[in-house]
Every structure is written in C-alpha cells, then in structure tokens.
Amino acid sequence: MLRSASALEAYRKRYGNSIRISNVIDVLLLDPAFPRSARYSLDRLRVSMERIANQGPEPSPACSALSELAAFLSSKKPAELIKSGLHQSLLHIQDGCAAIGDEVFRHYLKSD
C-alpha cells in the first residue's frame, strides 16, 4: 500500500524498515505535511474552497462538509482509528469525500 501511494520512501525515512499499521495510518491518512495523505489533500482543498467561496455571494455547502471531515482527520490518532474500527473510519472518509464532490458539482458545475 505504501508503495502504491509512493509513500514507502517517506515512511522509511520517518519510521525505518519496520512496517506497523499505526505508522502506515499516520503517513497515509493523518500526516498534514505528506502530499499524498488524506489530511494534506483535504487541507489544500479547504484553502482552495475558501478562495472560491470568498469570491461568490454565498459559501458552498461543500465548505462545511469539508471542514467537518478535515476536523475529523486532524483530531484523530492512528490508535483511535484502529480502536473505533479502521474500516468504518475509511468508509467515513470516503463518504465524506464523495459528499464534498457532490456538493461542489451541485454548487459550481451543474447547469439547470
């Protein structure tokens, strides 16, 4: 999984050669500085969405969904995601991303 996300080198620099699920979760989901992590991507998307929202008459509903998902990721530790059920956490992140995408489409791209 690390190799497929081009994260193996970054993982090894930080944690060495021992692969542990909590460290993989940290790199791939929660790292605010690793460009391929979910948290990094959501943080960059939030910055872009705020720029767009500042130019429009009203903020997109996607902004609040994005803030909620970003807060979820920034408040969690790998052990918490494992304890609460990693599969459920991943589904929550996936569903949140899908909802954000749907709201962006409805608010900015859909023509009636």
C-alpha atoms as a PDB file:
ATOM      1  CA  MET A   1       0.000   0.000   0.000  1.00  0.00           C
ATOM      2  CA  LEU A   2       2.808   2.423   0.826  1.00  0.00           C
ATOM      3  CA  ARG A   3       4.500   1.670  -2.469  1.00  0.00           C
ATOM      4  CA  SER A   4       1.301   2.192  -4.463  1.00  0.00           C
ATOM      5  CA  ALA A   5       0.884   5.642  -2.873  1.00  0.00           C
ATOM      6  CA  SER A   6       4.563   6.481  -3.468  1.00  0.00           C
ATOM      7  CA  ALA A   7       4.900   6.732   0.296  1.00  0.00           C
ATOM      8  CA  LEU A   8       7.361   3.960   1.079  1.00  0.00           C
ATOM      9  CA  GLU A   9      10.431   6.182   0.986  1.00  0.00           C
ATOM     10  CA  ALA A  10       8.810   8.833   3.176  1.00  0.00           C
ATOM     11  CA  TYR A  11       7.644   6.114   5.579  1.00  0.00           C
ATOM     12  CA  ARG A  12      11.110   4.594   5.861  1.00  0.00           C
ATOM     13  CA  LYS A  13      12.729   7.977   6.443  1.00  0.00           C
ATOM     14  CA  ARG A  14      10.390   8.586   9.345  1.00  0.00           C
ATOM     15  CA  TYR A  15       9.888   5.121  10.843  1.00  0.00           C
ATOM     16  CA  GLY A  16      12.653   2.896   9.450  1.00  0.00           C
ATOM     17  CA  ASN A  17      12.091  -0.517   7.873  1.00  0.00           C
ATOM     18  CA  SER A  18       9.633  -1.887  10.425  1.00  0.00           C
ATOM     19  CA  ILE A  19       6.113  -1.655   8.981  1.00  0.00           C
ATOM     20  CA  ARG A  20       3.392  -1.041  11.576  1.00  0.00           C
ATOM     21  CA  ILE A  21      -0.232  -0.377  10.795  1.00  0.00           C
ATOM     22  CA  SER A  22      -0.416   2.646  13.111  1.00  0.00           C
ATOM     23  CA  ASN A  23       2.519   4.257  11.323  1.00  0.00           C
ATOM     24  CA  VAL A  24       1.025   3.493   7.908  1.00  0.00           C
ATOM     25  CA  ILE A  25      -2.222   5.157   9.007  1.00  0.00           C
ATOM     26  CA  ASP A  26      -0.253   8.141  10.250  1.00  0.00           C
ATOM     27  CA  VAL A  27       1.525   8.611   6.912  1.00  0.00           C
ATOM     28  CA  LEU A  28      -1.350   7.855   4.538  1.00  0.00           C
ATOM     29  CA  LEU A  29      -4.260   9.420   6.398  1.00  0.00           C
ATOM     30  CA  LEU A  30      -3.180  11.840   9.106  1.00  0.00           C
ATOM     31  CA  ASP A  31       0.095  13.490   8.097  1.00  0.00           C
ATOM     32  CA  PRO A  32      -0.518  17.199   7.432  1.00  0.00           C
ATOM     33  CA  ALA A  33       2.845  17.550   5.635  1.00  0.00           C
ATOM     34  CA  PHE A  34       2.862  14.472   3.365  1.00  0.00           C
ATOM     35  CA  PRO A  35       1.372  15.443  -0.029  1.00  0.00           C
ATOM     36  CA  ARG A  36      -0.307  12.067  -0.575  1.00  0.00           C
ATOM     37  CA  SER A  37      -2.042  11.847   2.795  1.00  0.00           C
ATOM     38  CA  ALA A  38      -5.777  12.351   3.099  1.00  0.00           C
ATOM     39  CA  ARG A  39      -5.343  15.141   5.640  1.00  0.00           C
ATOM     40  CA  TYR A  40      -2.867  17.059   3.473  1.00  0.00           C
ATOM     41  CA  SER A  41      -5.212  16.786   0.486  1.00  0.00           C
ATOM     42  CA  LEU A  42      -8.215  17.967   2.476  1.00  0.00           C
ATOM     43  CA  ASP A  43      -6.261  20.879   3.917  1.00  0.00           C
ATOM     44  CA  ARG A  44      -5.242  22.008   0.411  1.00  0.00           C
ATOM     45  CA  LEU A  45      -8.804  21.564  -0.837  1.00  0.00           C
ATOM     46  CA  ARG A  46     -10.082  23.668   2.070  1.00  0.00           C
ATOM     47  CA  VAL A  47      -7.719  26.516   1.152  1.00  0.00           C
ATOM     48  CA  SER A  48      -8.913  26.379  -2.472  1.00  0.00           C
ATOM     49  CA  MET A  49     -12.582  26.199  -1.492  1.00  0.00           C
ATOM     50  CA  GLU A  50     -12.191  29.195   0.828  1.00  0.00           C
ATOM     51  CA  ARG A  51     -10.701  31.228  -2.020  1.00  0.00           C
ATOM     52  CA  ILE A  52     -13.599  30.307  -4.272  1.00  0.00           C
ATOM     53  CA  ALA A  53     -16.179  30.950  -1.550  1.00  0.00           C
ATOM     54  CA  ASN A  54     -14.724  34.417  -0.858  1.00  0.00           C
ATOM     55  CA  GLN A  55     -15.442  35.398  -4.463  1.00  0.00           C
ATOM     56  CA  GLY A  56     -19.033  34.224  -4.518  1.00  0.00           C
ATOM     57  CA  PRO A  57     -22.204  35.571  -2.967  1.00  0.00           C
ATOM     58  CA  GLU A  58     -22.643  32.616  -0.611  1.00  0.00           C
ATOM     59  CA  PRO A  59     -20.431  29.789   0.615  1.00  0.00           C
ATOM     60  CA  SER A  60     -20.917  26.347  -0.824  1.00  0.00           C
ATOM     61  CA  PRO A  61     -22.371  23.634   1.422  1.00  0.00           C
ATOM     62  CA  ALA A  62     -19.222  21.736   0.481  1.00  0.00           C
ATOM     63  CA  CYS A  63     -17.239  24.088   2.733  1.00  0.00           C
ATOM     64  CA  SER A  64     -18.995  22.880   5.867  1.00  0.00           C
ATOM     65  CA  ALA A  65     -18.722  19.213   4.854  1.00  0.00           C
ATOM     66  CA  LEU A  66     -15.048  19.769   4.117  1.00  0.00           C
ATOM     67  CA  SER A  67     -14.468  21.460   7.466  1.00  0.00           C
ATOM     68  CA  GLU A  68     -16.150  18.578   9.286  1.00  0.00           C
ATOM     69  CA  LEU A  69     -14.054  15.944   7.523  1.00  0.00           C
ATOM     70  CA  ALA A  70     -10.827  17.920   7.987  1.00  0.00           C
ATOM     71  CA  ALA A  71     -11.626  18.319  11.695  1.00  0.00           C
ATOM     72  CA  PHE A  72     -12.248  14.577  11.951  1.00  0.00           C
ATOM     73  CA  LEU A  73      -8.835  13.784  10.484  1.00  0.00           C
ATOM     74  CA  SER A  74      -6.946  16.435  12.426  1.00  0.00           C
ATOM     75  CA  SER A  75      -8.424  15.282  15.738  1.00  0.00           C
ATOM     76  CA  LYS A  76      -7.624  11.579  15.378  1.00  0.00           C
ATOM     77  CA  LYS A  77      -4.616   9.486  16.260  1.00  0.00           C
ATOM     78  CA  PRO A  78      -3.868   6.187  14.484  1.00  0.00           C
ATOM     79  CA  ALA A  79      -4.751   4.162  17.597  1.00  0.00           C
ATOM     80  CA  GLU A  80      -8.176   5.834  17.771  1.00  0.00           C
ATOM     81  CA  LEU A  81      -8.941   4.953  14.152  1.00  0.00           C
ATOM     82  CA  ILE A  82      -7.918   1.351  14.753  1.00  0.00           C
ATOM     83  CA  LYS A  83      -9.866   1.065  18.010  1.00  0.00           C
ATOM     84  CA  SER A  84     -13.033   2.563  16.557  1.00  0.00           C
ATOM     85  CA  GLY A  85     -12.740   0.325  13.501  1.00  0.00           C
ATOM     86  CA  LEU A  86     -10.360   1.218  10.699  1.00  0.00           C
ATOM     87  CA  HIS A  87     -12.796   0.010   8.048  1.00  0.00           C
ATOM     88  CA  GLN A  88     -15.538   2.260   9.432  1.00  0.00           C
ATOM     89  CA  SER A  89     -13.133   5.193   9.605  1.00  0.00           C
ATOM     90  CA  LEU A  90     -12.073   4.683   5.995  1.00  0.00           C
ATOM     91  CA  LEU A  91     -15.715   4.479   4.918  1.00  0.00           C
ATOM     92  CA  HIS A  92     -16.407   7.714   6.813  1.00  0.00           C
ATOM     93  CA  ILE A  93     -13.542   9.437   4.971  1.00  0.00           C
ATOM     94  CA  GLN A  94     -14.653   8.004   1.619  1.00  0.00           C
ATOM     95  CA  ASP A  95     -18.282   9.019   2.170  1.00  0.00           C
ATOM     96  CA  GLY A  96     -17.201  12.488   3.278  1.00  0.00           C
ATOM     97  CA  CYS A  97     -15.098  12.952   0.137  1.00  0.00           C
ATOM     98  CA  ALA A  98     -17.991  11.779  -2.031  1.00  0.00           C
ATOM     99  CA  ALA A  99     -20.362  14.228  -0.318  1.00  0.00           C
ATOM    100  CA  ILE A 100     -17.900  17.081  -0.834  1.00  0.00           C
ATOM    101  CA  GLY A 101     -17.560  16.181  -4.511  1.00  0.00           C
ATOM    102  CA  ASP A 102     -21.339  16.058  -4.926  1.00  0.00           C
ATOM    103  CA  GLU A 103     -21.753  19.472  -3.282  1.00  0.00           C
ATOM    104  CA  VAL A 104     -19.022  21.031  -5.420  1.00  0.00           C
ATOM    105  CA  PHE A 105     -20.731  19.673  -8.536  1.00  0.00           C
ATOM    106  CA  ARG A 106     -24.175  20.900  -7.457  1.00  0.00           C
ATOM    107  CA  HIS A 107     -22.997  24.336  -6.401  1.00  0.00           C
ATOM    108  CA  TYR A 108     -20.455  25.173  -9.110  1.00  0.00           C
ATOM    109  CA  LEU A 109     -20.798  22.873 -12.113  1.00  0.00           C
ATOM    110  CA  LYS A 110     -24.387  21.751 -12.527  1.00  0.00           C
ATOM    111  CA  SER A 111     -26.410  23.674 -15.041  1.00  0.00           C
ATOM    112  CA  ASP A 112     -30.167  23.527 -14.730  1.00  0.00           C
END
